[in-house]
Protein backbone atom coordinates (compact mmCIF):
# COMPACT_ATOMS: atom_id res chain seq x y z
CA MET A 1 -49.76 160.63 138.08
CA TYR A 2 -50.79 161.02 141.73
CA ILE A 3 -50.03 157.33 142.20
CA LEU A 4 -46.39 157.89 141.18
CA ILE A 5 -46.09 160.64 143.77
CA LYS A 6 -47.88 158.63 146.46
CA ALA A 7 -45.63 155.62 145.80
CA ARG A 8 -42.64 157.98 146.05
CA LEU A 9 -41.45 157.04 142.60
CA ALA A 10 -41.43 160.67 141.47
CA SER A 11 -42.13 164.06 142.92
CA MET A 12 -44.50 166.60 141.40
CA GLU A 13 -41.49 168.71 140.46
CA GLU A 14 -39.88 165.73 138.69
CA LEU A 15 -43.06 164.98 136.81
CA LYS A 16 -43.33 168.59 135.69
CA SER A 17 -39.70 169.16 134.76
CA CYS A 18 -37.87 165.87 134.21
CA TYR A 19 -40.32 163.42 132.69
CA THR A 20 -42.26 163.63 129.48
CA LEU A 21 -45.82 162.34 129.60
CA ASP A 22 -44.70 159.23 127.73
CA GLU A 23 -41.95 158.53 130.27
CA ALA A 24 -44.31 159.09 133.20
CA LEU A 25 -46.86 156.72 131.69
CA LYS A 26 -44.16 154.07 131.19
CA LEU A 27 -43.09 154.49 134.81
CA TYR A 28 -46.71 154.08 135.91
CA ALA A 29 -47.08 150.96 133.73
CA LEU A 30 -43.97 149.39 135.28
CA TYR A 31 -45.21 150.22 138.77
CA SER A 32 -48.64 148.78 137.97
CA MET A 33 -47.13 145.56 136.60
CA ASP A 34 -45.00 145.22 139.72
CA LEU A 35 -48.10 145.54 141.90
CA ASP A 36 -49.90 142.91 139.81
CA ILE A 37 -46.98 140.50 140.18
CA GLU A 38 -46.93 141.00 143.96
CA ARG A 39 -50.71 140.39 144.16
CA ALA A 40 -50.37 137.21 142.10
CA LYS A 41 -47.53 135.93 144.30
CA THR A 42 -49.57 136.66 147.43
CA ALA A 43 -52.62 134.89 146.00
CA GLU A 44 -50.48 131.90 145.03
CA MET A 45 -49.00 131.69 148.52
CA MET A 46 -52.48 131.85 150.07
CA GLU A 47 -53.67 129.03 147.80
CA GLU A 48 -50.70 126.86 148.78
CA ARG A 49 -51.53 127.34 152.46
CA ASN A 50 -55.06 125.99 151.98
């Protein structure tokens, strides 16, 4: 859950009081998928340059 705080998607207080564990894990999964998509786009752009 540290990653959610570091990415400023949620504060520690929000994670403790507003989100259930299931909701926090879904938020993390969405964030992780977004990072994967950005990495893939960057890799694709680098391949096109070469």
